Amino acid sequence: MNEFLDKLWSMEFGIALLGALVGGGFTILGSWLQSRSSNKAAQLIQAKANAQRTFDALTQLKAHLEIQTFQGMGSKETRAAWNREREMLVTTANSTLMLLPDEHKDTRIRVGKLLQQIKTWYGLPAWPEYKLETGLLVSEALKVLGFFVRGSDSPERRNMAEVIKREIERDKRERAQRELESLEAEEEHHGLDQEDSERLNELYRFLEETKPSEEAAGGATGPS
């Protein structure tokens, strides 16, 4: 009888011990998973904070770029002042961007490549073209960072060399068109001297030669 009770006690104790171990194991596993999840959440918050600091530095660069009204190649002093400000803000943006962990290296690398394309200004191209190119690069970097901070999927990749080329051509045509319209108005009211007449003809030729293919096709197929 005692032997039977001893076996029964041993069996129940073993089952209870196994249950306790299993239950404890799940508790430990749950705590570990919770801790790991909390760490990941904290890491994501820190990554977004660093991305926000990069975003803020580039926002300052964008604002500083927009208020500049340099003429042509600028002067030695204006170029030096701009390049100091550009270098400081790009360096600040890069320093926080590099803190993004490898889990977010796509954002880190993508924005980093855009920042590498922001050039020092030596006077050529002239300021309007340089300003347009730099603004496009900064805006693209801000878009990528903005999507990341909001938790959205990264925006579609664009060939920035093609985007910049297309926008520079569009800008040149728009400025040429404004100048042409001004000269035409001047010609109508007061007439033009030889130099302005030659310039007017140059603008006509430029706008015709750089006419977008869609516009040329539209003109060819329009009503007679």
C-alpha atoms as a PDB file:
ATOM      1  CA  MET A   1       0.000   0.000   0.000  1.00  0.00           C
ATOM      2  CA  ASN A   2       2.745   2.386   0.959  1.00  0.00           C
ATOM      3  CA  GLU A   3       4.618   1.434  -2.182  1.00  0.00           C
ATOM      4  CA  PHE A   4       1.503   2.227  -4.280  1.00  0.00           C
ATOM      5  CA  LEU A   5       1.116   5.656  -2.599  1.00  0.00           C
ATOM      6  CA  ASP A   6       4.794   6.376  -3.122  1.00  0.00           C
ATOM      7  CA  LYS A   7       4.433   5.656  -6.869  1.00  0.00           C
ATOM      8  CA  LEU A   8       1.247   7.754  -7.081  1.00  0.00           C
ATOM      9  CA  TRP A   9       2.893  10.672  -5.304  1.00  0.00           C
ATOM     10  CA  SER A  10       5.909  10.444  -7.546  1.00  0.00           C
ATOM     11  CA  MET A  11       3.713  10.356 -10.659  1.00  0.00           C
ATOM     12  CA  GLU A  12       1.630  13.396  -9.591  1.00  0.00           C
ATOM     13  CA  PHE A  13       4.713  15.298  -8.546  1.00  0.00           C
ATOM     14  CA  GLY A  14       6.357  14.596 -11.872  1.00  0.00           C
ATOM     15  CA  ILE A  15       3.300  15.764 -13.790  1.00  0.00           C
ATOM     16  CA  ALA A  16       3.023  18.886 -11.660  1.00  0.00           C
ATOM     17  CA  LEU A  17       6.726  19.611 -12.020  1.00  0.00           C
ATOM     18  CA  LEU A  18       6.531  19.170 -15.795  1.00  0.00           C
ATOM     19  CA  GLY A  19       3.502  21.460 -15.922  1.00  0.00           C
ATOM     20  CA  ALA A  20       5.279  24.059 -13.852  1.00  0.00           C
ATOM     21  CA  LEU A  21       8.322  23.908 -16.087  1.00  0.00           C
ATOM     22  CA  VAL A  22       6.251  24.113 -19.238  1.00  0.00           C
ATOM     23  CA  GLY A  23       4.207  26.980 -17.848  1.00  0.00           C
ATOM     24  CA  GLY A  24       7.313  28.754 -16.698  1.00  0.00           C
ATOM     25  CA  GLY A  25       8.903  28.169 -20.058  1.00  0.00           C
ATOM     26  CA  PHE A  26       6.017  29.844 -21.818  1.00  0.00           C
ATOM     27  CA  THR A  27       6.196  32.711 -19.351  1.00  0.00           C
ATOM     28  CA  ILE A  28       9.907  33.142 -20.014  1.00  0.00           C
ATOM     29  CA  LEU A  29       9.344  32.892 -23.766  1.00  0.00           C
ATOM     30  CA  GLY A  30       6.517  35.404 -23.584  1.00  0.00           C
ATOM     31  CA  SER A  31       8.662  37.817 -21.603  1.00  0.00           C
ATOM     32  CA  TRP A  32      11.518  37.386 -24.056  1.00  0.00           C
ATOM     33  CA  LEU A  33       9.233  38.007 -27.046  1.00  0.00           C
ATOM     34  CA  GLN A  34       7.702  41.016 -25.347  1.00  0.00           C
ATOM     35  CA  SER A  35      11.136  42.380 -24.524  1.00  0.00           C
ATOM     36  CA  ARG A  36      12.319  41.804 -28.082  1.00  0.00           C
ATOM     37  CA  SER A  37       9.210  43.499 -29.477  1.00  0.00           C
ATOM     38  CA  SER A  38       9.714  46.442 -27.133  1.00  0.00           C
ATOM     39  CA  ASN A  39      13.338  46.760 -28.204  1.00  0.00           C
ATOM     40  CA  LYS A  40      12.350  46.756 -31.868  1.00  0.00           C
ATOM     41  CA  ALA A  41       9.711  49.394 -31.223  1.00  0.00           C
ATOM     42  CA  ALA A  42      12.250  51.524 -29.353  1.00  0.00           C
ATOM     43  CA  GLN A  43      14.778  51.095 -32.161  1.00  0.00           C
ATOM     44  CA  LEU A  44      12.205  52.141 -34.750  1.00  0.00           C
ATOM     45  CA  ILE A  45      11.292  55.226 -32.707  1.00  0.00           C
ATOM     46  CA  GLN A  46      14.988  56.144 -32.452  1.00  0.00           C
ATOM     47  CA  ALA A  47      15.503  55.546 -36.183  1.00  0.00           C
ATOM     48  CA  LYS A  48      12.560  57.803 -37.019  1.00  0.00           C
ATOM     49  CA  ALA A  49      13.892  60.455 -34.639  1.00  0.00           C
ATOM     50  CA  ASN A  50      17.244  60.424 -36.442  1.00  0.00           C
ATOM     51  CA  ALA A  51      15.480  60.555 -39.809  1.00  0.00           C
ATOM     52  CA  GLN A  52      13.471  63.528 -38.528  1.00  0.00           C
ATOM     53  CA  ARG A  53      16.681  65.340 -37.576  1.00  0.00           C
ATOM     54  CA  THR A  54      18.028  64.702 -41.077  1.00  0.00           C
ATOM     55  CA  PHE A  55      14.717  65.972 -42.469  1.00  0.00           C
ATOM     56  CA  ASP A  56      14.957  69.140 -40.349  1.00  0.00           C
ATOM     57  CA  ALA A  57      18.507  69.909 -41.542  1.00  0.00           C
ATOM     58  CA  LEU A  58      17.484  69.487 -45.177  1.00  0.00           C
ATOM     59  CA  THR A  59      14.386  71.620 -44.628  1.00  0.00           C
ATOM     60  CA  GLN A  60      16.697  74.402 -43.432  1.00  0.00           C
ATOM     61  CA  LEU A  61      18.873  73.895 -46.508  1.00  0.00           C
ATOM     62  CA  LYS A  62      15.812  74.070 -48.770  1.00  0.00           C
ATOM     63  CA  ALA A  63      14.608  77.285 -47.118  1.00  0.00           C
ATOM     64  CA  HIS A  64      18.076  78.836 -47.306  1.00  0.00           C
ATOM     65  CA  LEU A  65      18.309  77.914 -50.988  1.00  0.00           C
ATOM     66  CA  GLU A  66      14.930  79.432 -51.831  1.00  0.00           C
ATOM     67  CA  ILE A  67      15.658  82.876 -50.378  1.00  0.00           C
ATOM     68  CA  GLN A  68      18.905  83.368 -52.317  1.00  0.00           C
ATOM     69  CA  THR A  69      18.710  85.731 -55.281  1.00  0.00           C
ATOM     70  CA  PHE A  70      22.265  85.597 -56.605  1.00  0.00           C
ATOM     71  CA  GLN A  71      22.770  86.907 -60.116  1.00  0.00           C
ATOM     72  CA  GLY A  72      24.508  84.748 -62.697  1.00  0.00           C
ATOM     73  CA  MET A  73      27.784  83.401 -61.333  1.00  0.00           C
ATOM     74  CA  GLY A  74      27.461  85.401 -58.135  1.00  0.00           C
ATOM     75  CA  SER A  75      30.564  86.844 -56.496  1.00  0.00           C
ATOM     76  CA  LYS A  76      33.416  85.221 -54.616  1.00  0.00           C
ATOM     77  CA  GLU A  77      31.834  86.317 -51.343  1.00  0.00           C
ATOM     78  CA  THR A  78      28.307  85.109 -52.133  1.00  0.00           C
ATOM     79  CA  ARG A  79      29.579  81.755 -53.393  1.00  0.00           C
ATOM     80  CA  ALA A  80      31.693  81.281 -50.264  1.00  0.00           C
ATOM     81  CA  ALA A  81      28.776  82.195 -47.986  1.00  0.00           C
ATOM     82  CA  TRP A  82      26.437  79.776 -49.749  1.00  0.00           C
ATOM     83  CA  ASN A  83      28.953  76.936 -49.756  1.00  0.00           C
ATOM     84  CA  ARG A  84      29.623  77.308 -46.022  1.00  0.00           C
ATOM     85  CA  GLU A  85      25.917  77.096 -45.249  1.00  0.00           C
ATOM     86  CA  ARG A  86      25.430  74.182 -47.655  1.00  0.00           C
ATOM     87  CA  GLU A  87      28.378  72.263 -46.200  1.00  0.00           C
ATOM     88  CA  MET A  88      27.207  72.747 -42.604  1.00  0.00           C
ATOM     89  CA  LEU A  89      23.637  71.600 -43.255  1.00  0.00           C
ATOM     90  CA  VAL A  90      24.582  68.674 -45.513  1.00  0.00           C
ATOM     91  CA  THR A  91      27.116  67.497 -42.924  1.00  0.00           C
ATOM     92  CA  THR A  92      24.482  67.761 -40.175  1.00  0.00           C
ATOM     93  CA  ALA A  93      22.004  65.801 -42.299  1.00  0.00           C
ATOM     94  CA  ASN A  94      24.576  63.113 -43.074  1.00  0.00           C
ATOM     95  CA  SER A  95      25.657  62.719 -39.461  1.00  0.00           C
ATOM     96  CA  THR A  96      22.152  61.782 -38.293  1.00  0.00           C
ATOM     97  CA  LEU A  97      21.372  59.820 -41.448  1.00  0.00           C
ATOM     98  CA  MET A  98      24.330  57.527 -40.775  1.00  0.00           C
ATOM     99  CA  LEU A  99      22.732  56.571 -37.444  1.00  0.00           C
ATOM    100  CA  LEU A 100      19.950  54.679 -39.214  1.00  0.00           C
ATOM    101  CA  PRO A 101      20.491  50.956 -38.517  1.00  0.00           C
ATOM    102  CA  ASP A 102      20.953  48.326 -41.210  1.00  0.00           C
ATOM    103  CA  GLU A 103      17.259  47.419 -41.004  1.00  0.00           C
ATOM    104  CA  HIS A 104      16.670  50.754 -42.733  1.00  0.00           C
ATOM    105  CA  LYS A 105      19.759  50.862 -44.918  1.00  0.00           C
ATOM    106  CA  ASP A 106      17.653  51.308 -48.063  1.00  0.00           C
ATOM    107  CA  THR A 107      16.509  54.718 -46.801  1.00  0.00           C
ATOM    108  CA  ARG A 108      19.989  55.526 -45.510  1.00  0.00           C
ATOM    109  CA  ILE A 109      21.710  54.666 -48.792  1.00  0.00           C
ATOM    110  CA  ARG A 110      19.056  56.254 -50.982  1.00  0.00           C
ATOM    111  CA  VAL A 111      19.103  59.597 -49.184  1.00  0.00           C
ATOM    112  CA  GLY A 112      22.896  59.468 -48.850  1.00  0.00           C
ATOM    113  CA  LYS A 113      23.311  59.164 -52.623  1.00  0.00           C
ATOM    114  CA  LEU A 114      21.064  62.177 -53.144  1.00  0.00           C
ATOM    115  CA  LEU A 115      23.117  64.240 -50.684  1.00  0.00           C
ATOM    116  CA  GLN A 116      26.323  63.257 -52.481  1.00  0.00           C
ATOM    117  CA  GLN A 117      24.953  64.864 -55.646  1.00  0.00           C
ATOM    118  CA  ILE A 118      24.529  68.288 -54.007  1.00  0.00           C
ATOM    119  CA  LYS A 119      27.515  70.108 -55.451  1.00  0.00           C
ATOM    120  CA  THR A 120      29.704  72.936 -54.300  1.00  0.00           C
ATOM    121  CA  TRP A 121      28.852  76.056 -56.295  1.00  0.00           C
ATOM    122  CA  TYR A 122      31.804  77.495 -58.186  1.00  0.00           C
ATOM    123  CA  GLY A 123      29.737  79.873 -60.313  1.00  0.00           C
ATOM    124  CA  LEU A 124      28.906  77.506 -63.163  1.00  0.00           C
ATOM    125  CA  PRO A 125      26.252  76.556 -63.877  1.00  0.00           C
ATOM    126  CA  ALA A 126      24.808  79.994 -63.226  1.00  0.00           C
ATOM    127  CA  TRP A 127      22.747  80.351 -60.058  1.00  0.00           C
ATOM    128  CA  PRO A 128      19.242  79.759 -61.529  1.00  0.00           C
ATOM    129  CA  GLU A 129      20.273  76.388 -62.962  1.00  0.00           C
ATOM    130  CA  TYR A 130      22.314  75.410 -59.900  1.00  0.00           C
ATOM    131  CA  LYS A 131      19.435  76.422 -57.630  1.00  0.00           C
ATOM    132  CA  LEU A 132      16.961  74.331 -59.623  1.00  0.00           C
ATOM    133  CA  GLU A 133      19.200  71.246 -59.628  1.00  0.00           C
ATOM    134  CA  THR A 134      20.007  71.502 -55.907  1.00  0.00           C
ATOM    135  CA  GLY A 135      16.367  72.099 -55.035  1.00  0.00           C
ATOM    136  CA  LEU A 136      15.275  68.985 -56.904  1.00  0.00           C
ATOM    137  CA  LEU A 137      17.832  66.827 -55.067  1.00  0.00           C
ATOM    138  CA  VAL A 138      16.885  68.226 -51.653  1.00  0.00           C
ATOM    139  CA  SER A 139      13.168  67.828 -52.370  1.00  0.00           C
ATOM    140  CA  GLU A 140      13.647  64.198 -53.394  1.00  0.00           C
ATOM    141  CA  ALA A 141      15.599  63.460 -50.210  1.00  0.00           C
ATOM    142  CA  LEU A 142      12.894  65.148 -48.123  1.00  0.00           C
ATOM    143  CA  LYS A 143      10.227  63.045 -49.825  1.00  0.00           C
ATOM    144  CA  VAL A 144      12.026  59.779 -49.052  1.00  0.00           C
ATOM    145  CA  LEU A 145      12.599  60.796 -45.421  1.00  0.00           C
ATOM    146  CA  GLY A 146       9.026  62.011 -45.033  1.00  0.00           C
ATOM    147  CA  PHE A 147       7.624  58.670 -46.180  1.00  0.00           C
ATOM    148  CA  PHE A 148       9.933  56.838 -43.753  1.00  0.00           C
ATOM    149  CA  VAL A 149       9.041  58.991 -40.745  1.00  0.00           C
ATOM    150  CA  ARG A 150       5.319  58.536 -41.479  1.00  0.00           C
ATOM    151  CA  GLY A 151       5.776  54.773 -41.738  1.00  0.00           C
ATOM    152  CA  SER A 152       4.730  54.662 -45.412  1.00  0.00           C
ATOM    153  CA  ASP A 153       6.300  52.590 -48.157  1.00  0.00           C
ATOM    154  CA  SER A 154       9.261  54.251 -49.804  1.00  0.00           C
ATOM    155  CA  PRO A 155       8.296  56.335 -52.858  1.00  0.00           C
ATOM    156  CA  GLU A 156       9.061  55.089 -56.345  1.00  0.00           C
ATOM    157  CA  ARG A 157      12.668  55.554 -57.408  1.00  0.00           C
ATOM    158  CA  ARG A 158      13.342  58.184 -60.043  1.00  0.00           C
ATOM    159  CA  ASN A 159      16.343  58.703 -62.303  1.00  0.00           C
ATOM    160  CA  MET A 160      17.314  62.085 -60.913  1.00  0.00           C
ATOM    161  CA  ALA A 161      19.745  62.810 -63.756  1.00  0.00           C
ATOM    162  CA  GLU A 162      16.842  62.593 -66.196  1.00  0.00           C
ATOM    163  CA  VAL A 163      14.505  64.544 -63.897  1.00  0.00           C
ATOM    164  CA  ILE A 164      17.064  67.338 -63.511  1.00  0.00           C
ATOM    165  CA  LYS A 165      17.793  67.480 -67.249  1.00  0.00           C
ATOM    166  CA  ARG A 166      14.090  67.654 -68.103  1.00  0.00           C
ATOM    167  CA  GLU A 167      13.362  70.352 -65.507  1.00  0.00           C
ATOM    168  CA  ILE A 168      16.338  72.475 -66.551  1.00  0.00           C
ATOM    169  CA  GLU A 169      15.187  72.342 -70.186  1.00  0.00           C
ATOM    170  CA  ARG A 170      11.651  73.291 -69.149  1.00  0.00           C
ATOM    171  CA  ASP A 171      12.951  76.180 -67.028  1.00  0.00           C
ATOM    172  CA  LYS A 172      15.129  77.502 -69.853  1.00  0.00           C
ATOM    173  CA  ARG A 173      12.167  77.441 -72.236  1.00  0.00           C
ATOM    174  CA  GLU A 174       9.938  79.248 -69.754  1.00  0.00           C
ATOM    175  CA  ARG A 175      12.515  81.975 -69.159  1.00  0.00           C
ATOM    176  CA  ALA A 176      13.110  82.304 -72.910  1.00  0.00           C
ATOM    177  CA  GLN A 177       9.368  82.555 -73.504  1.00  0.00           C
ATOM    178  CA  ARG A 178       9.027  85.345 -70.929  1.00  0.00           C
ATOM    179  CA  GLU A 179      11.925  87.257 -72.459  1.00  0.00           C
ATOM    180  CA  LEU A 180      10.491  86.801 -75.948  1.00  0.00           C
ATOM    181  CA  GLU A 181       7.085  88.118 -74.894  1.00  0.00           C
ATOM    182  CA  SER A 182       8.739  91.140 -73.283  1.00  0.00           C
ATOM    183  CA  LEU A 183      10.698  91.926 -76.463  1.00  0.00           C
ATOM    184  CA  GLU A 184       7.624  91.439 -78.625  1.00  0.00           C
ATOM    185  CA  ALA A 185       5.713  93.933 -76.477  1.00  0.00           C
ATOM    186  CA  GLU A 186       8.604  96.354 -76.683  1.00  0.00           C
ATOM    187  CA  GLU A 187       8.759  95.950 -80.472  1.00  0.00           C
ATOM    188  CA  GLU A 188       5.046  96.622 -80.813  1.00  0.00           C
ATOM    189  CA  HIS A 189       5.105  99.810 -78.760  1.00  0.00           C
ATOM    190  CA  HIS A 190       8.494 101.371 -79.433  1.00  0.00           C
ATOM    191  CA  GLY A 191      10.351  99.205 -81.930  1.00  0.00           C
ATOM    192  CA  LEU A 192      13.650  97.402 -81.313  1.00  0.00           C
ATOM    193  CA  ASP A 193      17.229  98.315 -82.034  1.00  0.00           C
ATOM    194  CA  GLN A 194      19.424  95.901 -83.974  1.00  0.00           C
ATOM    195  CA  GLU A 195      20.768  94.124 -80.905  1.00  0.00           C
ATOM    196  CA  ASP A 196      17.310  93.459 -79.473  1.00  0.00           C
ATOM    197  CA  SER A 197      16.029  92.366 -82.887  1.00  0.00           C
ATOM    198  CA  GLU A 198      18.850  89.827 -83.125  1.00  0.00           C
ATOM    199  CA  ARG A 199      18.072  88.629 -79.627  1.00  0.00           C
ATOM    200  CA  LEU A 200      14.401  88.234 -80.541  1.00  0.00           C
ATOM    201  CA  ASN A 201      15.335  86.075 -83.523  1.00  0.00           C
ATOM    202  CA  GLU A 202      17.655  83.998 -81.317  1.00  0.00           C
ATOM    203  CA  LEU A 203      14.774  83.350 -78.938  1.00  0.00           C
ATOM    204  CA  TYR A 204      12.482  82.323 -81.791  1.00  0.00           C
ATOM    205  CA  ARG A 205      15.086  79.832 -83.012  1.00  0.00           C
ATOM    206  CA  PHE A 206      15.783  78.495 -79.518  1.00  0.00           C
ATOM    207  CA  LEU A 207      12.113  77.905 -78.740  1.00  0.00           C
ATOM    208  CA  GLU A 208      11.555  76.240 -82.083  1.00  0.00           C
ATOM    209  CA  GLU A 209      14.599  73.967 -81.736  1.00  0.00           C
ATOM    210  CA  THR A 210      13.752  72.970 -78.170  1.00  0.00           C
ATOM    211  CA  LYS A 211      10.040  72.516 -78.720  1.00  0.00           C
ATOM    212  CA  PRO A 212       8.875  69.357 -76.872  1.00  0.00           C
ATOM    213  CA  SER A 213       8.047  66.475 -79.200  1.00  0.00           C
ATOM    214  CA  GLU A 214       4.439  66.352 -77.958  1.00  0.00           C
ATOM    215  CA  GLU A 215       3.973  70.027 -78.781  1.00  0.00           C
ATOM    216  CA  ALA A 216       5.534  69.588 -82.215  1.00  0.00           C
ATOM    217  CA  ALA A 217       3.332  66.577 -82.903  1.00  0.00           C
ATOM    218  CA  GLY A 218       0.271  68.472 -81.733  1.00  0.00           C
ATOM    219  CA  GLY A 219       1.066  71.320 -84.082  1.00  0.00           C
ATOM    220  CA  ALA A 220       1.552  68.911 -86.987  1.00  0.00           C
ATOM    221  CA  THR A 221      -1.760  67.179 -86.470  1.00  0.00           C
ATOM    222  CA  GLY A 222      -3.836  70.216 -85.562  1.00  0.00           C
ATOM    223  CA  PRO A 223      -6.660  71.563 -87.685  1.00  0.00           C
ATOM    224  CA  SER A 224      -5.655  73.243 -90.957  1.00  0.00           C
END
